Amino acid sequence: MSAADKNSEGRPVISEADLDAQMDLASATILVVDDHEQNRELLQAYLEDVGCTVTSAADGLEALREIERRPPDLIILDVMMPRMSGFQLCERLKSDPAMREIPIVMVTALSEIGDIERAVEAGADDFLTKPVHKIELVTRTKSLLRVRLLKRQLEATLREMRRLSGDAD
């Protein structure tokens, strides 16, 4: 490691690419939920830079079926959709113990503070306003995926420690 790979305190600096490689973001899955096909396609194109699998659903009900079939590691969720709004889907997922740990980023054209408060109350982990900027989407997505994968690693480590100590659940 060269001096350029250390911060001012002499500690190693890990690049974003190294962090992504360590976290194996390629194994992650993102579900994009939006009733407008052009929005889904744009978000999917932006998310190609994350390097993981991206699937999509056209509304909340289709998303529920997809999530039950194969739970994603992150959900990008439009707020205004027919049949089931993003708020309703978010509330439903966050009330389900099997699904509540999936991070949800709500995407909205709404800019009133009340709408943001409603997203937070529904359980959203983050939110973006339309038009979505690629750098903001990719940065927040990577951050939430890293946290999700770190939590999984921690849980697996704790399970292994309990197993080794003979203190099974």
Protein backbone atom coordinates (compact mmCIF):
# COMPACT_ATOMS: atom_id res chain seq x y z
CA MET A 1 0.00 0.00 0.00
CA SER A 2 1.48 3.35 -1.01
CA ALA A 3 1.27 6.65 0.86
CA ALA A 4 -1.42 7.69 -1.62
CA ASP A 5 -3.59 4.84 -0.29
CA LYS A 6 -3.62 6.34 3.22
CA ASN A 7 -5.46 9.29 4.72
CA SER A 8 -3.85 12.17 6.62
CA GLU A 9 -3.89 10.05 9.80
CA GLY A 10 -2.01 7.22 8.08
CA ARG A 11 -5.05 4.94 7.98
CA PRO A 12 -5.78 2.90 4.85
CA VAL A 13 -8.26 4.42 2.42
CA ILE A 14 -10.59 1.98 0.70
CA SER A 15 -11.81 3.08 -2.72
CA GLU A 16 -15.46 2.80 -3.65
CA ALA A 17 -14.58 0.12 -6.21
CA ASP A 18 -12.74 -1.92 -3.56
CA LEU A 19 -15.67 -1.55 -1.18
CA ASP A 20 -18.11 -2.67 -3.88
CA ALA A 21 -15.92 -5.70 -4.61
CA GLN A 22 -15.72 -6.60 -0.91
CA MET A 23 -19.48 -6.25 -0.55
CA ASP A 24 -20.18 -8.31 -3.69
CA LEU A 25 -22.90 -5.97 -4.98
CA ALA A 26 -23.10 -8.19 -8.06
CA SER A 27 -25.03 -10.72 -5.96
CA ALA A 28 -27.67 -8.13 -4.99
CA THR A 29 -31.10 -7.71 -6.56
CA ILE A 30 -33.03 -4.46 -6.94
CA LEU A 31 -36.76 -4.29 -7.72
CA VAL A 32 -37.93 -1.14 -9.54
CA VAL A 33 -41.67 -0.50 -9.17
CA ASP A 34 -43.31 2.17 -11.35
CA ASP A 35 -46.47 2.19 -13.41
CA HIS A 36 -44.80 4.16 -16.23
CA GLU A 37 -42.68 1.95 -18.46
CA GLN A 38 -40.38 4.82 -19.46
CA ASN A 39 -39.60 5.55 -15.80
CA ARG A 40 -38.85 1.87 -15.12
CA GLU A 41 -36.55 1.69 -18.14
CA LEU A 42 -34.73 4.91 -17.17
CA LEU A 43 -34.21 3.76 -13.57
CA GLN A 44 -33.02 0.35 -14.75
CA ALA A 45 -30.55 2.00 -17.14
CA TYR A 46 -29.24 4.25 -14.33
CA LEU A 47 -28.87 1.26 -12.02
CA GLU A 48 -26.67 -0.64 -14.49
CA ASP A 49 -23.74 1.20 -12.89
CA VAL A 50 -24.44 -0.59 -9.59
CA GLY A 51 -23.58 -3.90 -11.24
CA CYS A 52 -26.36 -6.03 -9.78
CA THR A 53 -29.53 -7.68 -11.05
CA VAL A 54 -32.42 -5.27 -11.62
CA THR A 55 -35.99 -6.50 -12.03
CA SER A 56 -39.18 -4.49 -12.38
CA ALA A 57 -42.89 -4.45 -11.66
CA ALA A 58 -45.61 -2.21 -13.13
CA ASP A 59 -47.60 -1.69 -9.92
CA GLY A 60 -47.82 -2.54 -6.24
CA LEU A 61 -49.73 -5.79 -6.70
CA GLU A 62 -47.28 -7.09 -9.30
CA ALA A 63 -44.45 -6.04 -6.98
CA LEU A 64 -45.97 -8.03 -4.09
CA ARG A 65 -46.06 -11.17 -6.24
CA GLU A 66 -42.44 -10.61 -7.32
CA ILE A 67 -41.29 -9.94 -3.74
CA GLU A 68 -43.00 -13.10 -2.45
CA ARG A 69 -41.41 -15.12 -5.27
CA ARG A 70 -37.91 -13.67 -4.82
CA PRO A 71 -37.35 -11.01 -2.16
CA PRO A 72 -35.01 -8.30 -3.48
CA ASP A 73 -32.21 -6.65 -1.55
CA LEU A 74 -33.60 -3.17 -2.29
CA ILE A 75 -36.82 -1.71 -3.68
CA ILE A 76 -37.05 1.52 -5.70
CA LEU A 77 -40.73 2.42 -5.36
CA ASP A 78 -42.84 5.05 -7.14
CA VAL A 79 -45.38 6.74 -4.89
CA MET A 80 -48.29 7.36 -7.27
CA MET A 81 -49.53 4.13 -8.86
CA PRO A 82 -52.94 2.63 -9.61
CA ARG A 83 -54.39 -0.32 -7.65
CA MET A 84 -51.89 0.06 -4.77
CA SER A 85 -49.89 3.21 -4.07
CA GLY A 86 -46.24 3.15 -3.13
CA PHE A 87 -47.25 4.30 0.36
CA GLN A 88 -49.60 1.31 0.73
CA LEU A 89 -47.02 -1.18 -0.55
CA CYS A 90 -44.33 0.26 1.71
CA GLU A 91 -46.59 0.06 4.78
CA ARG A 92 -47.54 -3.50 3.92
CA LEU A 93 -43.94 -4.63 3.48
CA LYS A 94 -42.70 -2.89 6.62
CA SER A 95 -45.48 -4.52 8.68
CA ASP A 96 -44.40 -8.01 7.52
CA PRO A 97 -41.57 -9.40 9.72
CA ALA A 98 -40.20 -11.37 6.76
CA MET A 99 -40.01 -8.27 4.55
CA ARG A 100 -39.41 -5.32 6.88
CA GLU A 101 -35.63 -5.41 6.55
CA ILE A 102 -35.74 -4.77 2.78
CA PRO A 103 -34.68 -1.15 2.25
CA ILE A 104 -37.17 0.94 0.28
CA VAL A 105 -36.38 4.13 -1.62
CA MET A 106 -39.55 6.00 -2.54
CA VAL A 107 -39.50 8.06 -5.73
CA THR A 108 -41.98 10.88 -6.04
CA ALA A 109 -42.89 13.90 -8.12
CA LEU A 110 -44.54 15.22 -4.98
CA SER A 111 -42.44 17.83 -3.24
CA GLU A 112 -44.59 18.83 -0.29
CA ILE A 113 -43.06 18.17 3.12
CA GLY A 114 -46.24 16.29 4.04
CA ASP A 115 -45.56 13.77 1.28
CA ILE A 116 -42.04 13.20 2.54
CA GLU A 117 -43.38 12.78 6.08
CA ARG A 118 -45.92 10.26 4.78
CA ALA A 119 -43.16 8.28 3.07
CA VAL A 120 -41.15 8.21 6.29
CA GLU A 121 -44.24 7.20 8.30
CA ALA A 122 -44.90 4.40 5.79
CA GLY A 123 -41.42 3.07 6.58
CA ALA A 124 -39.37 4.31 3.62
CA ASP A 125 -35.64 4.17 4.22
CA ASP A 126 -34.94 7.00 1.78
CA PHE A 127 -36.68 9.02 -0.90
CA LEU A 128 -35.85 10.77 -4.16
CA THR A 129 -37.80 13.42 -6.02
CA LYS A 130 -38.39 13.36 -9.76
CA PRO A 131 -36.65 13.99 -11.99
CA VAL A 132 -34.23 11.48 -10.49
CA HIS A 133 -30.56 12.29 -10.96
CA LYS A 134 -28.42 9.29 -11.84
CA ILE A 135 -25.55 10.07 -9.45
CA GLU A 136 -27.96 10.49 -6.53
CA LEU A 137 -29.82 7.26 -7.33
CA VAL A 138 -26.65 5.20 -7.79
CA THR A 139 -24.96 6.62 -4.67
CA ARG A 140 -27.96 6.05 -2.40
CA THR A 141 -28.61 2.63 -3.87
CA LYS A 142 -25.02 1.47 -3.30
CA SER A 143 -25.08 2.83 0.24
CA LEU A 144 -28.32 1.05 1.15
CA LEU A 145 -27.14 -2.19 -0.48
CA ARG A 146 -23.88 -2.06 1.46
CA VAL A 147 -25.79 -1.62 4.73
CA ARG A 148 -28.14 -4.48 3.80
CA LEU A 149 -25.25 -6.80 2.96
CA LEU A 150 -23.31 -5.82 6.08
CA LYS A 151 -26.36 -6.60 8.24
CA ARG A 152 -26.58 -10.02 6.60
CA GLN A 153 -22.89 -10.66 7.26
CA LEU A 154 -23.30 -9.59 10.88
CA GLU A 155 -26.33 -11.85 11.36
CA ALA A 156 -24.46 -14.80 9.83
CA THR A 157 -21.44 -14.13 12.05
CA LEU A 158 -23.62 -13.94 15.17
CA ARG A 159 -25.37 -17.21 14.23
CA GLU A 160 -22.00 -18.88 13.74
CA MET A 161 -20.71 -17.54 17.07
CA ARG A 162 -23.81 -18.89 18.85
CA ARG A 163 -23.39 -22.24 17.09
CA LEU A 164 -19.75 -22.47 18.11
CA SER A 165 -20.52 -21.56 21.68
CA GLY A 166 -23.24 -24.24 21.77
CA ASP A 167 -25.99 -21.69 22.40
CA ALA A 168 -28.38 -22.50 19.54
CA ASP A 169 -31.50 -20.38 18.97
